[in-house]
Protein backbone atom coordinates (compact mmCIF):
# COMPACT_ATOMS: atom_id res chain seq x y z
CA MET A 1 38.91 -20.54 10.42
CA ILE A 2 40.53 -19.37 13.62
CA ALA A 3 38.96 -17.09 16.14
CA LEU A 4 41.56 -14.81 17.73
CA THR A 5 40.99 -12.79 20.85
CA PRO A 6 43.68 -10.53 22.27
CA GLY A 7 45.87 -12.41 24.70
CA ALA A 8 44.30 -15.84 23.95
CA PRO A 9 46.25 -18.62 22.22
CA ALA A 10 45.22 -19.42 18.67
CA ARG A 11 43.21 -22.63 18.32
CA PRO A 12 42.38 -24.16 14.98
CA SER A 13 38.70 -24.64 14.29
CA ALA A 14 37.08 -27.40 12.29
CA PRO A 15 38.78 -28.18 8.98
CA SER A 16 37.49 -26.39 5.95
CA ARG A 17 36.17 -28.26 2.90
CA GLY A 18 39.63 -28.61 1.49
CA GLY A 19 40.65 -30.66 4.52
CA THR A 20 43.36 -28.28 5.75
CA THR A 21 43.51 -26.30 8.93
CA THR A 22 45.04 -22.90 9.35
CA THR A 23 47.21 -21.84 12.22
CA ALA A 24 47.72 -18.37 13.54
CA THR A 25 50.86 -16.63 12.39
CA PRO A 26 52.11 -13.38 13.84
CA ASP A 27 51.35 -10.29 11.83
CA PRO A 28 54.57 -9.34 9.99
CA THR A 29 53.70 -5.64 10.22
CA GLY A 30 54.10 -5.68 14.00
CA ASP A 31 50.47 -4.77 14.65
CA ASP A 32 49.69 -7.98 16.51
CA ASP A 33 47.25 -7.04 19.29
CA ALA A 34 48.36 -9.96 21.45
CA VAL A 35 51.92 -8.62 21.54
CA SER A 36 51.17 -4.91 21.65
CA ALA A 37 48.57 -5.19 24.44
CA PRO A 38 51.09 -6.23 27.13
CA MET A 39 53.56 -3.64 25.87
CA SER A 40 50.92 -0.96 25.93
CA ASP A 41 49.88 -2.10 29.42
CA GLN A 42 53.50 -1.80 30.52
CA LEU A 43 53.77 1.66 29.03
CA LEU A 44 50.52 2.69 30.70
CA ALA A 45 51.75 1.31 34.02
CA LYS A 46 55.03 3.20 33.69
CA ALA A 47 53.19 6.38 32.74
CA LEU A 48 50.86 5.92 35.71
CA ILE A 49 53.79 5.45 38.08
CA ALA A 50 55.51 8.53 36.64
CA ALA A 51 52.30 10.54 37.01
CA GLN A 52 51.89 9.38 40.61
CA ARG A 53 55.49 10.34 41.41
CA ALA A 54 55.00 13.74 39.79
CA GLN A 55 51.78 14.24 41.75
CA ALA A 56 53.51 13.24 45.00
CA GLU A 57 56.32 15.67 44.23
CA LEU A 58 53.80 18.41 43.52
CA ASP A 59 51.95 17.64 46.75
CA GLU A 60 55.21 17.89 48.72
CA LYS A 61 56.05 21.22 47.10
CA ARG A 62 52.52 22.48 47.72
CA MET A 63 52.73 21.48 51.39
CA ALA A 64 56.14 23.14 51.76
CA PHE A 65 54.81 26.28 50.08
CA ASP A 66 51.74 26.34 52.33
CA GLU A 67 53.95 25.92 55.41
CA MET A 68 56.19 28.75 54.23
CA LEU A 69 53.14 30.98 53.72
CA ARG A 70 51.85 30.13 57.20
CA ALA A 71 55.23 30.99 58.72
CA ARG A 72 55.42 34.21 56.72
CA ALA A 73 51.90 35.18 57.80
CA GLU A 74 52.81 34.58 61.44
CA ILE A 75 55.92 36.73 61.09
CA GLU A 76 53.84 39.47 59.45
CA ARG A 77 51.31 39.34 62.30
CA GLU A 78 54.12 39.62 64.85
CA ASN A 79 55.65 42.54 62.95
CA ASN A 80 52.28 44.28 62.74
CA SER A 81 51.72 43.82 66.48
CA LEU A 82 55.17 45.15 67.28
CA ARG A 83 54.69 48.13 64.96
CA ASP A 84 51.29 48.90 66.52
CA LEU A 85 52.85 48.65 69.98
CA ALA A 86 55.68 50.98 68.95
CA ILE A 87 53.17 53.51 67.55
CA GLU A 88 51.15 53.41 70.79
CA GLN A 89 54.34 53.87 72.82
CA ALA A 90 55.34 56.84 70.64
CA LYS A 91 51.90 58.40 71.20
CA ARG A 92 52.25 57.96 74.99
CA ASP A 93 55.75 59.42 74.90
CA ASP A 94 54.42 62.43 72.98
CA GLU A 95 51.62 62.92 75.54
CA TYR A 96 54.12 62.68 78.40
CA LEU A 97 56.45 65.16 76.71
CA LYS A 98 53.55 67.60 76.12
CA LYS A 99 52.59 67.40 79.80
CA CYS A 100 56.18 67.99 80.86
CA ILE A 101 56.43 71.03 78.57
CA SER A 102 53.12 72.43 79.80
CA MET A 103 54.38 72.26 83.42
CA ILE A 104 57.27 74.53 82.62
């Protein structure tokens, strides 16, 4: 008998009663765990790298979006301040005009 563990080389055990030993042969169906484990590890590593790149890209886009929103909010605040200032100036101009008219 042979004890196989994934990734470990096959070692023959003690001979059976018939006096023959068996050696490990690769599974013809392609389901050999020793071969598929490194391939699956490679695929997982590639998927992990792709996921990390996608996450980094998303983080960059999120940061750019946040910066754009901050800039837009600042512009809106400036516009609101200017509009409020213009409204106050219009009110003062109206008061001044009313005083001028009342003097006549």
